[in-house]
Structures are given as C-alpha cells and as structure tokens.
Amino acid sequence: MTGASRLAARAALRLGTGVVTLAAPKSVWHVYAASLISVIVKAVDGIEDYKKQLEDKRHNALLVGPGAGVGKQTQQAVLAALAAKCSIVLDFDAITNVNAPPYLATAGSGDVLTGFIDGLLAQGLAPFESAAAAVLLHGEAATEFGEGLIAEDLPEALPPVLKRLQAPLDGGAD
C-alpha cells in the first residue's frame, strides 16, 4: 500500500523536516519516485540493503510501518531500525500484536486506541505500559466484537474483555 508511506513522507516534509528519504522495495520504487518530487526515494533490495541505508548517520529519525503490511519483512525492518539507535516511530503495521484482527481496519479505530492509551495514562500507568496495555485491549475488544465492527463498538466491547482479564487476578471468581 504505497499511499500510506507517501502520505507520511509528505507530512514529515510539510512539517519542516529538512530532507526526507523514503526507502522503497525495488519492485515499487517507480511508484514513489514518480509521485514524490521533493522526497529522496531510495530503492532497497532486501533487508541487508536496508541496513546499509540505515548506516547513514544523517538519518536521525525513522518511521517504519505505513503501508508495509504485517510480515517477516516488516519485522526485520523494525529490528534493523531499532538497531540504528536514532529516533523511531513505529506505525501500526510495524507493531501489529498477535491479537490484531482484521476487524480493526475501520475508520476511527486508531482514535479509540489513543483514547484507551489516554485512559490508562490518566489512571497513573507509565507511558510505555499504557501503550502496550492499550494495544492488547484494543485487539481483544475487536476480537470480542468480531465481524461488522465499527470504531464505536470498541469501547462497548471492552467491559467483557476487562472482566475476562481480571478473572485470573480475582481467583477466577465472577
């Protein structure tokens, strides 16, 4: 899905990033090169080539995930980016938990996720733990609801998830 990463690159550029470089698989490089005039587009031929690109210390912030899809290549890209030791943003495809069902591919589900994160922060949970717990709850709520999910269903599907997760802590009592 080339649109997601093109939008992210343009957003970073518009916000004032001096130079934006987009690493694209050779198979779709031409799509990016033809549509991103103000962005440097580098063709990457596999994970080793990607790692080599990351050695350039001018890359001080990385974004991994938009439109990348969930799979081994994205996982390898995330691990390589983390090893680069610079600022990194991991988009949904880059952080997708085993419990992220396809039902979450609906407008507004990300907004609900940010609400879950904020709710946990407001209760005093640390930022990383809030994000991790919210992602788990988000996926569980989507799985709980199932087919036909819209974003508004996620908060309503949360109580049975919380009850199920709380049960082992309560000794299994209802």
N, C-alpha and C. Protein backbone atom coordinates (compact mmCIF):
# COMPACT_ATOMS: atom_id res chain seq x y z
N MET A 1 0.84 -1.18 0.00
CA MET A 1 0.00 0.00 0.00
C MET A 1 0.88 1.23 0.00
N THR A 2 1.14 1.75 -1.17
CA THR A 2 2.09 2.84 -1.29
C THR A 2 1.56 4.18 -0.80
N GLY A 3 0.26 4.34 -0.75
CA GLY A 3 -0.30 5.62 -0.34
C GLY A 3 0.05 6.01 1.08
N ALA A 4 0.04 5.05 1.99
CA ALA A 4 0.31 5.34 3.40
C ALA A 4 1.69 5.93 3.61
N SER A 5 2.70 5.33 3.03
CA SER A 5 4.06 5.84 3.23
C SER A 5 4.29 7.15 2.47
N ARG A 6 3.62 7.31 1.34
CA ARG A 6 3.74 8.59 0.62
C ARG A 6 3.11 9.71 1.43
N LEU A 7 1.97 9.46 2.05
CA LEU A 7 1.35 10.47 2.91
C LEU A 7 2.24 10.81 4.10
N ALA A 8 2.82 9.80 4.72
CA ALA A 8 3.70 10.03 5.87
C ALA A 8 4.92 10.85 5.47
N ALA A 9 5.50 10.54 4.31
CA ALA A 9 6.68 11.28 3.84
C ALA A 9 6.33 12.74 3.57
N ARG A 10 5.20 12.96 2.91
CA ARG A 10 4.77 14.35 2.63
C ARG A 10 4.46 15.10 3.91
N ALA A 11 3.87 14.42 4.90
CA ALA A 11 3.55 15.06 6.16
C ALA A 11 4.83 15.50 6.88
N ALA A 12 5.83 14.63 6.91
CA ALA A 12 7.10 14.98 7.55
C ALA A 12 7.77 16.15 6.83
N LEU A 13 7.70 16.12 5.52
CA LEU A 13 8.29 17.19 4.72
C LEU A 13 7.58 18.52 4.98
N ARG A 14 6.27 18.49 4.96
CA ARG A 14 5.47 19.70 5.15
C ARG A 14 5.67 20.28 6.55
N LEU A 15 5.92 19.41 7.51
CA LEU A 15 6.10 19.87 8.89
C LEU A 15 7.44 20.55 9.09
N GLY A 16 8.35 20.41 8.14
CA GLY A 16 9.62 21.11 8.25
C GLY A 16 10.85 20.23 8.29
N THR A 17 10.70 18.93 8.09
CA THR A 17 11.87 18.07 8.02
C THR A 17 12.71 18.53 6.84
N GLY A 18 13.97 18.77 7.07
CA GLY A 18 14.84 19.27 6.01
C GLY A 18 14.92 18.36 4.81
N VAL A 19 15.22 17.09 5.04
CA VAL A 19 15.34 16.12 3.97
C VAL A 19 14.62 14.85 4.40
N VAL A 20 13.72 14.39 3.55
CA VAL A 20 13.01 13.14 3.80
C VAL A 20 13.48 12.13 2.77
N THR A 21 13.87 10.97 3.26
CA THR A 21 14.28 9.87 2.39
C THR A 21 13.32 8.71 2.62
N LEU A 22 12.81 8.16 1.55
CA LEU A 22 11.90 7.03 1.63
C LEU A 22 12.59 5.82 1.03
N ALA A 23 12.75 4.78 1.84
CA ALA A 23 13.34 3.53 1.36
C ALA A 23 12.21 2.66 0.84
N ALA A 24 12.26 2.33 -0.43
CA ALA A 24 11.19 1.56 -1.06
C ALA A 24 11.73 0.29 -1.69
N PRO A 25 10.98 -0.79 -1.60
CA PRO A 25 11.40 -2.02 -2.28
C PRO A 25 11.57 -1.74 -3.78
N LYS A 26 12.57 -2.36 -4.37
CA LYS A 26 12.82 -2.14 -5.80
C LYS A 26 11.59 -2.37 -6.66
N SER A 27 10.75 -3.32 -6.25
CA SER A 27 9.58 -3.66 -7.07
C SER A 27 8.57 -2.53 -7.18
N VAL A 28 8.56 -1.60 -6.22
CA VAL A 28 7.61 -0.48 -6.28
C VAL A 28 8.31 0.88 -6.25
N TRP A 29 9.60 0.88 -6.38
CA TRP A 29 10.37 2.12 -6.33
C TRP A 29 9.81 3.15 -7.30
N HIS A 30 9.46 2.73 -8.50
CA HIS A 30 8.99 3.65 -9.53
C HIS A 30 7.72 4.40 -9.11
N VAL A 31 6.86 3.77 -8.32
CA VAL A 31 5.64 4.43 -7.85
C VAL A 31 6.00 5.63 -6.98
N TYR A 32 6.94 5.43 -6.08
CA TYR A 32 7.37 6.50 -5.18
C TYR A 32 8.14 7.58 -5.93
N ALA A 33 9.06 7.16 -6.75
CA ALA A 33 9.91 8.12 -7.48
C ALA A 33 9.09 9.03 -8.38
N ALA A 34 8.04 8.50 -8.98
CA ALA A 34 7.21 9.30 -9.88
C ALA A 34 6.29 10.27 -9.15
N SER A 35 5.94 9.96 -7.90
CA SER A 35 4.96 10.78 -7.21
C SER A 35 5.50 11.66 -6.09
N LEU A 36 6.73 11.45 -5.68
CA LEU A 36 7.31 12.23 -4.59
C LEU A 36 8.48 13.07 -5.09
N ILE A 37 8.17 14.21 -5.61
CA ILE A 37 9.18 15.06 -6.23
C ILE A 37 10.15 15.64 -5.19
N SER A 38 9.67 16.00 -4.02
CA SER A 38 10.51 16.64 -3.00
C SER A 38 11.11 15.67 -2.00
N VAL A 39 10.94 14.39 -2.24
CA VAL A 39 11.44 13.37 -1.33
C VAL A 39 12.49 12.53 -2.05
N ILE A 40 13.56 12.21 -1.34
CA ILE A 40 14.57 11.31 -1.90
C ILE A 40 14.02 9.89 -1.77
N VAL A 41 13.97 9.19 -2.88
CA VAL A 41 13.46 7.82 -2.87
C VAL A 41 14.61 6.89 -3.20
N LYS A 42 14.90 5.99 -2.27
CA LYS A 42 16.00 5.04 -2.47
C LYS A 42 15.43 3.64 -2.63
N ALA A 43 15.85 2.99 -3.69
CA ALA A 43 15.44 1.60 -3.92
C ALA A 43 16.22 0.69 -2.98
N VAL A 44 15.53 -0.17 -2.30
CA VAL A 44 16.14 -1.09 -1.36
C VAL A 44 15.88 -2.51 -1.85
N ASP A 45 16.94 -3.28 -1.92
CA ASP A 45 16.85 -4.66 -2.38
C ASP A 45 17.08 -5.61 -1.22
N GLY A 46 16.06 -5.77 -0.37
CA GLY A 46 16.16 -6.69 0.75
C GLY A 46 16.65 -6.04 2.04
N ILE A 47 16.63 -6.82 3.09
CA ILE A 47 16.94 -6.31 4.43
C ILE A 47 18.39 -5.88 4.58
N GLU A 48 19.31 -6.57 3.96
CA GLU A 48 20.72 -6.18 4.08
C GLU A 48 20.97 -4.82 3.45
N ASP A 49 20.33 -4.56 2.31
CA ASP A 49 20.44 -3.27 1.66
C ASP A 49 19.81 -2.18 2.53
N TYR A 50 18.69 -2.50 3.17
CA TYR A 50 18.03 -1.56 4.08
C TYR A 50 18.95 -1.21 5.25
N LYS A 51 19.58 -2.22 5.83
CA LYS A 51 20.51 -1.98 6.94
C LYS A 51 21.65 -1.07 6.50
N LYS A 52 22.12 -1.28 5.28
CA LYS A 52 23.21 -0.45 4.76
C LYS A 52 22.75 1.01 4.65
N GLN A 53 21.51 1.22 4.21
CA GLN A 53 20.96 2.58 4.12
C GLN A 53 20.92 3.24 5.50
N LEU A 54 20.61 2.45 6.52
CA LEU A 54 20.49 2.99 7.87
C LEU A 54 21.82 3.40 8.48
N GLU A 55 22.91 2.97 7.89
CA GLU A 55 24.23 3.36 8.39
C GLU A 55 24.51 4.84 8.19
N ASP A 56 23.78 5.48 7.30
CA ASP A 56 23.94 6.92 7.04
C ASP A 56 23.47 7.68 8.27
N LYS A 57 24.38 8.28 9.00
CA LYS A 57 24.08 8.95 10.27
C LYS A 57 23.23 10.21 10.09
N ARG A 58 23.03 10.64 8.85
CA ARG A 58 22.15 11.79 8.63
C ARG A 58 20.69 11.43 8.89
N HIS A 59 20.39 10.14 8.92
CA HIS A 59 19.03 9.70 9.24
C HIS A 59 18.89 9.76 10.76
N ASN A 60 18.27 10.82 11.26
CA ASN A 60 18.16 10.97 12.71
C ASN A 60 16.78 10.62 13.25
N ALA A 61 15.83 10.36 12.36
CA ALA A 61 14.50 9.92 12.76
C ALA A 61 13.97 8.96 11.70
N LEU A 62 13.42 7.86 12.14
CA LEU A 62 12.91 6.85 11.21
C LEU A 62 11.44 6.57 11.49
N LEU A 63 10.73 6.28 10.43
CA LEU A 63 9.34 5.86 10.52
C LEU A 63 9.23 4.53 9.79
N VAL A 64 8.76 3.53 10.48
CA VAL A 64 8.63 2.20 9.87
C VAL A 64 7.19 1.75 10.01
N GLY A 65 6.62 1.31 8.92
CA GLY A 65 5.32 0.67 9.01
C GLY A 65 4.23 1.12 8.06
N PRO A 66 4.09 2.41 7.75
CA PRO A 66 2.92 2.80 6.96
C PRO A 66 2.84 2.03 5.64
N GLY A 67 1.78 1.26 5.51
CA GLY A 67 1.55 0.51 4.28
C GLY A 67 2.47 -0.67 4.06
N ALA A 68 3.31 -0.99 5.02
CA ALA A 68 4.30 -2.06 4.84
C ALA A 68 3.67 -3.45 4.89
N GLY A 69 2.56 -3.56 5.54
CA GLY A 69 1.96 -4.87 5.70
C GLY A 69 2.58 -5.60 6.88
N VAL A 70 1.88 -6.57 7.38
CA VAL A 70 2.35 -7.34 8.53
C VAL A 70 3.05 -8.58 8.01
N GLY A 71 4.29 -8.77 8.42
CA GLY A 71 5.02 -9.95 7.97
C GLY A 71 6.48 -9.89 8.36
N LYS A 72 7.21 -10.89 7.90
CA LYS A 72 8.62 -11.03 8.26
C LYS A 72 9.47 -9.84 7.79
N GLN A 73 9.20 -9.33 6.58
CA GLN A 73 9.98 -8.20 6.08
C GLN A 73 9.81 -6.98 6.97
N THR A 74 8.58 -6.71 7.39
CA THR A 74 8.33 -5.57 8.27
C THR A 74 9.00 -5.80 9.61
N GLN A 75 8.93 -7.00 10.12
CA GLN A 75 9.59 -7.33 11.39
C GLN A 75 11.09 -7.09 11.29
N GLN A 76 11.70 -7.54 10.21
CA GLN A 76 13.14 -7.33 10.02
C GLN A 76 13.47 -5.85 9.90
N ALA A 77 12.61 -5.08 9.23
CA ALA A 77 12.84 -3.64 9.10
C ALA A 77 12.77 -2.95 10.45
N VAL A 78 11.83 -3.36 11.30
CA VAL A 78 11.72 -2.78 12.64
C VAL A 78 12.97 -3.07 13.45
N LEU A 79 13.42 -4.31 13.43
CA LEU A 79 14.62 -4.68 14.20
C LEU A 79 15.85 -3.92 13.71
N ALA A 80 15.97 -3.76 12.40
CA ALA A 80 17.10 -3.01 11.84
C ALA A 80 17.02 -1.54 12.24
N ALA A 81 15.82 -0.98 12.21
CA ALA A 81 15.65 0.43 12.58
C ALA A 81 15.96 0.64 14.05
N LEU A 82 15.53 -0.27 14.90
CA LEU A 82 15.82 -0.14 16.32
C LEU A 82 17.32 -0.21 16.59
N ALA A 83 18.02 -1.01 15.81
CA ALA A 83 19.47 -1.13 15.97
C ALA A 83 20.20 0.12 15.51
N ALA A 84 19.54 0.96 14.70
CA ALA A 84 20.17 2.17 14.18
C ALA A 84 20.36 3.24 15.26
N LYS A 85 19.72 3.06 16.38
CA LYS A 85 19.88 3.95 17.54
C LYS A 85 19.62 5.42 17.22
N CYS A 86 18.46 5.68 16.63
CA CYS A 86 18.01 7.05 16.42
C CYS A 86 16.53 7.08 16.79
N SER A 87 15.93 8.24 16.70
CA SER A 87 14.51 8.34 17.00
C SER A 87 13.73 7.49 16.00
N ILE A 88 12.70 6.80 16.50
CA ILE A 88 11.94 5.92 15.62
C ILE A 88 10.46 5.98 15.98
N VAL A 89 9.65 5.98 14.95
CA VAL A 89 8.20 5.88 15.10
C VAL A 89 7.79 4.60 14.40
N LEU A 90 7.04 3.78 15.12
CA LEU A 90 6.55 2.53 14.54
C LEU A 90 5.06 2.67 14.29
N ASP A 91 4.69 2.64 13.02
CA ASP A 91 3.30 2.71 12.63
C ASP A 91 2.64 1.35 12.83
N PHE A 92 1.35 1.29 12.70
CA PHE A 92 0.59 0.09 13.02
C PHE A 92 1.14 -1.19 12.42
N ASP A 93 1.47 -1.18 11.14
CA ASP A 93 2.00 -2.41 10.54
C ASP A 93 3.29 -2.86 11.20
N ALA A 94 4.02 -1.92 11.76
CA ALA A 94 5.29 -2.26 12.39
C ALA A 94 5.13 -2.82 13.80
N ILE A 95 3.98 -2.58 14.42
CA ILE A 95 3.80 -3.03 15.80
C ILE A 95 2.64 -4.00 15.95
N THR A 96 2.08 -4.43 14.90
CA THR A 96 0.92 -5.31 14.95
C THR A 96 1.26 -6.60 15.65
N ASN A 97 0.37 -6.66 17.21
CA ASN A 97 0.34 -7.74 18.18
C ASN A 97 -0.31 -8.91 17.56
N VAL A 98 -0.09 -10.23 18.05
CA VAL A 98 -0.79 -11.41 17.54
C VAL A 98 -2.30 -11.24 17.66
N ASN A 99 -2.79 -10.30 18.37
CA ASN A 99 -4.22 -10.15 18.58
C ASN A 99 -4.81 -8.96 17.83
N ALA A 100 -4.25 -8.62 16.70
CA ALA A 100 -4.79 -7.51 15.91
C ALA A 100 -5.60 -8.07 14.75
N PRO A 101 -6.88 -8.32 15.00
CA PRO A 101 -7.70 -8.92 13.95
C PRO A 101 -7.99 -7.93 12.83
N PRO A 102 -8.37 -8.43 11.66
CA PRO A 102 -8.64 -7.55 10.54
C PRO A 102 -9.82 -6.60 10.78
N TYR A 103 -10.63 -6.90 11.79
CA TYR A 103 -11.78 -6.04 12.09
C TYR A 103 -11.34 -4.63 12.47
N LEU A 104 -10.09 -4.48 12.91
CA LEU A 104 -9.60 -3.15 13.31
C LEU A 104 -9.35 -2.23 12.12
N ALA A 105 -9.43 -2.76 10.92
CA ALA A 105 -9.22 -1.94 9.72
C ALA A 105 -10.50 -1.18 9.42
N THR A 106 -10.85 -0.29 10.32
CA THR A 106 -12.05 0.53 10.16
C THR A 106 -11.74 1.94 10.64
N ALA A 107 -12.33 2.89 9.95
CA ALA A 107 -12.08 4.31 10.27
C ALA A 107 -12.38 4.59 11.74
N GLY A 108 -11.45 5.24 12.39
CA GLY A 108 -11.62 5.65 13.77
C GLY A 108 -11.08 4.68 14.80
N SER A 109 -10.69 3.47 14.39
CA SER A 109 -10.20 2.52 15.39
C SER A 109 -8.92 3.02 16.04
N GLY A 110 -8.08 3.71 15.29
CA GLY A 110 -6.86 4.28 15.87
C GLY A 110 -7.18 5.36 16.89
N ASP A 111 -8.25 6.10 16.65
CA ASP A 111 -8.67 7.12 17.60
C ASP A 111 -9.12 6.49 18.92
N VAL A 112 -9.81 5.37 18.82
CA VAL A 112 -10.21 4.65 20.02
C VAL A 112 -8.97 4.15 20.77
N LEU A 113 -7.99 3.66 20.02
CA LEU A 113 -6.74 3.21 20.65
C LEU A 113 -6.09 4.35 21.42
N THR A 114 -6.04 5.54 20.84
CA THR A 114 -5.42 6.66 21.56
C THR A 114 -6.24 7.01 22.81
N GLY A 115 -7.56 6.84 22.74
CA GLY A 115 -8.38 7.05 23.93
C GLY A 115 -8.09 6.02 25.01
N PHE A 116 -7.88 4.77 24.60
CA PHE A 116 -7.51 3.74 25.56
C PHE A 116 -6.18 4.09 26.23
N ILE A 117 -5.22 4.52 25.43
CA ILE A 117 -3.90 4.90 25.97
C ILE A 117 -4.06 6.04 26.97
N ASP A 118 -4.82 7.06 26.58
CA ASP A 118 -5.02 8.22 27.44
C ASP A 118 -5.72 7.82 28.75
N GLY A 119 -6.69 6.93 28.64
CA GLY A 119 -7.39 6.48 29.84
C GLY A 119 -6.47 5.78 30.83
N LEU A 120 -5.54 5.00 30.31
CA LEU A 120 -4.59 4.31 31.18
C LEU A 120 -3.56 5.29 31.76
N LEU A 121 -3.14 6.25 30.95
CA LEU A 121 -2.24 7.29 31.46
C LEU A 121 -2.90 8.07 32.59
N ALA A 122 -4.17 8.39 32.41
CA ALA A 122 -4.90 9.16 33.42
C ALA A 122 -5.02 8.40 34.74
N GLN A 123 -4.95 7.09 34.67
CA GLN A 123 -5.01 6.28 35.89
C GLN A 123 -3.64 6.06 36.52
N GLY A 124 -2.60 6.68 35.92
CA GLY A 124 -1.28 6.63 36.51
C GLY A 124 -0.33 5.59 35.94
N LEU A 125 -0.75 4.87 34.93
CA LEU A 125 0.14 3.89 34.31
C LEU A 125 1.20 4.63 33.50
N ALA A 126 2.42 4.14 33.50
CA ALA A 126 3.53 4.77 32.77
C ALA A 126 3.24 4.75 31.26
N PRO A 127 3.83 5.68 30.51
CA PRO A 127 3.54 5.78 29.07
C PRO A 127 3.73 4.50 28.27
N PHE A 128 4.86 3.84 28.40
CA PHE A 128 5.09 2.63 27.61
C PHE A 128 4.08 1.55 27.99
N GLU A 129 3.88 1.35 29.28
CA GLU A 129 2.95 0.34 29.74
C GLU A 129 1.53 0.67 29.31
N SER A 130 1.18 1.96 29.31
CA SER A 130 -0.14 2.37 28.84
C SER A 130 -0.34 2.02 27.38
N ALA A 131 0.66 2.31 26.57
CA ALA A 131 0.56 2.00 25.14
C ALA A 131 0.47 0.49 24.91
N ALA A 132 1.31 -0.26 25.60
CA ALA A 132 1.31 -1.72 25.42
C ALA A 132 -0.01 -2.33 25.87
N ALA A 133 -0.49 -1.92 27.02
CA ALA A 133 -1.76 -2.46 27.53
C ALA A 133 -2.93 -2.05 26.64
N ALA A 134 -2.92 -0.82 26.16
CA ALA A 134 -4.00 -0.35 25.30
C ALA A 134 -4.04 -1.12 23.98
N VAL A 135 -2.89 -1.41 23.42
CA VAL A 135 -2.84 -2.19 22.17
C VAL A 135 -3.43 -3.58 22.42
N LEU A 136 -3.08 -4.19 23.54
CA LEU A 136 -3.64 -5.50 23.87
C LEU A 136 -5.16 -5.42 24.02
N LEU A 137 -5.63 -4.45 24.77
CA LEU A 137 -7.07 -4.29 24.99
C LEU A 137 -7.81 -3.99 23.69
N HIS A 138 -7.21 -3.18 22.86
CA HIS A 138 -7.77 -2.80 21.55
C HIS A 138 -8.01 -4.04 20.70
N GLY A 139 -7.00 -4.88 20.60
CA GLY A 139 -7.13 -6.11 19.82
C GLY A 139 -8.13 -7.08 20.42
N GLU A 140 -8.10 -7.20 21.74
CA GLU A 140 -9.03 -8.11 22.42
C GLU A 140 -10.47 -7.65 22.25
N ALA A 141 -10.69 -6.33 22.33
CA ALA A 141 -12.05 -5.80 22.15
C ALA A 141 -12.54 -6.06 20.73
N ALA A 142 -11.67 -5.90 19.75
CA ALA A 142 -12.05 -6.18 18.36
C ALA A 142 -12.38 -7.65 18.17
N THR A 143 -11.59 -8.51 18.76
CA THR A 143 -11.85 -9.95 18.67
C THR A 143 -13.16 -10.30 19.38
N GLU A 144 -13.40 -9.68 20.51
CA GLU A 144 -14.63 -9.90 21.27
C GLU A 144 -15.86 -9.55 20.43
N PHE A 145 -15.81 -8.43 19.72
CA PHE A 145 -16.95 -7.99 18.92
C PHE A 145 -17.08 -8.80 17.64
N GLY A 146 -15.96 -8.94 16.91
CA GLY A 146 -15.96 -9.74 15.69
C GLY A 146 -16.40 -9.01 14.45
N GLU A 147 -16.95 -9.77 13.51
CA GLU A 147 -17.37 -9.24 12.20
C GLU A 147 -18.33 -8.05 12.36
N GLY A 148 -18.19 -7.10 11.44
CA GLY A 148 -19.08 -5.95 11.42
C GLY A 148 -18.68 -4.82 12.35
N LEU A 149 -17.51 -4.94 12.97
CA LEU A 149 -17.03 -3.95 13.91
C LEU A 149 -16.89 -2.58 13.27
N ILE A 150 -17.35 -1.55 13.97
CA ILE A 150 -17.02 -0.17 13.64
C ILE A 150 -16.37 0.43 14.88
N ALA A 151 -15.69 1.53 14.71
CA ALA A 151 -14.89 2.09 15.81
C ALA A 151 -15.71 2.29 17.08
N GLU A 152 -16.95 2.72 16.94
CA GLU A 152 -17.79 2.97 18.11
C GLU A 152 -18.06 1.72 18.93
N ASP A 153 -17.89 0.54 18.32
CA ASP A 153 -18.12 -0.71 19.03
C ASP A 153 -17.00 -1.06 19.99
N LEU A 154 -15.80 -0.55 19.74
CA LEU A 154 -14.63 -0.96 20.54
C LEU A 154 -14.78 -0.62 22.03
N PRO A 155 -15.15 0.61 22.41
CA PRO A 155 -15.29 0.88 23.85
C PRO A 155 -16.39 0.03 24.50
N GLU A 156 -17.43 -0.27 23.71
CA GLU A 156 -18.54 -1.07 24.25
C GLU A 156 -18.16 -2.53 24.40
N ALA A 157 -17.19 -3.00 23.62
CA ALA A 157 -16.74 -4.39 23.71
C ALA A 157 -15.69 -4.56 24.81
N LEU A 158 -15.27 -3.48 25.40
CA LEU A 158 -14.19 -3.53 26.39
C LEU A 158 -14.60 -4.16 27.74
N PRO A 159 -15.79 -3.90 28.30
CA PRO A 159 -16.11 -4.47 29.61
C PRO A 159 -15.97 -5.99 29.70
N PRO A 160 -16.46 -6.78 28.74
CA PRO A 160 -16.25 -8.23 28.89
C PRO A 160 -14.77 -8.63 28.81
N VAL A 161 -14.00 -7.86 28.05
CA VAL A 161 -12.55 -8.14 27.95
C VAL A 161 -11.90 -7.87 29.30
N LEU A 162 -12.22 -6.73 29.91
CA LEU A 162 -11.66 -6.40 31.22
C LEU A 162 -12.06 -7.43 32.26
N LYS A 163 -13.31 -7.87 32.21
CA LYS A 163 -13.78 -8.88 33.15
C LYS A 163 -13.01 -10.18 32.98
N ARG A 164 -12.82 -10.60 31.73
CA ARG A 164 -12.10 -11.85 31.45
C ARG A 164 -10.64 -11.74 31.90
N LEU A 165 -10.01 -10.60 31.66
CA LEU A 165 -8.61 -10.43 32.05
C LEU A 165 -8.46 -10.29 33.57
N GLN A 166 -9.46 -9.77 34.22
CA GLN A 166 -9.42 -9.58 35.67
C GLN A 166 -9.65 -10.89 36.42
N ALA A 167 -10.39 -11.82 35.82
CA ALA A 167 -10.78 -13.09 36.48
C ALA A 167 -9.59 -13.84 37.09
N PRO A 168 -8.47 -14.02 36.35
CA PRO A 168 -7.35 -14.75 36.98
C PRO A 168 -6.80 -14.03 38.21
N LEU A 169 -6.88 -12.72 38.24
CA LEU A 169 -6.39 -11.97 39.39
C LEU A 169 -7.32 -12.10 40.60
N ASP A 170 -8.59 -12.34 40.30
CA ASP A 170 -9.58 -12.49 41.36
C ASP A 170 -9.75 -13.94 41.79
N GLY A 171 -8.90 -14.80 41.28
CA GLY A 171 -9.00 -16.22 41.60
C GLY A 171 -10.08 -16.93 40.80
N GLY A 172 -10.49 -16.30 39.69
CA GLY A 172 -11.46 -16.94 38.82
C GLY A 172 -12.90 -16.67 39.23
N ALA A 173 -13.13 -15.93 40.31
CA ALA A 173 -14.49 -15.65 40.76
C ALA A 173 -15.15 -14.62 39.87
N ASP A 174 -16.48 -14.75 39.72
CA ASP A 174 -17.24 -13.77 38.95
C ASP A 174 -17.61 -12.58 39.79
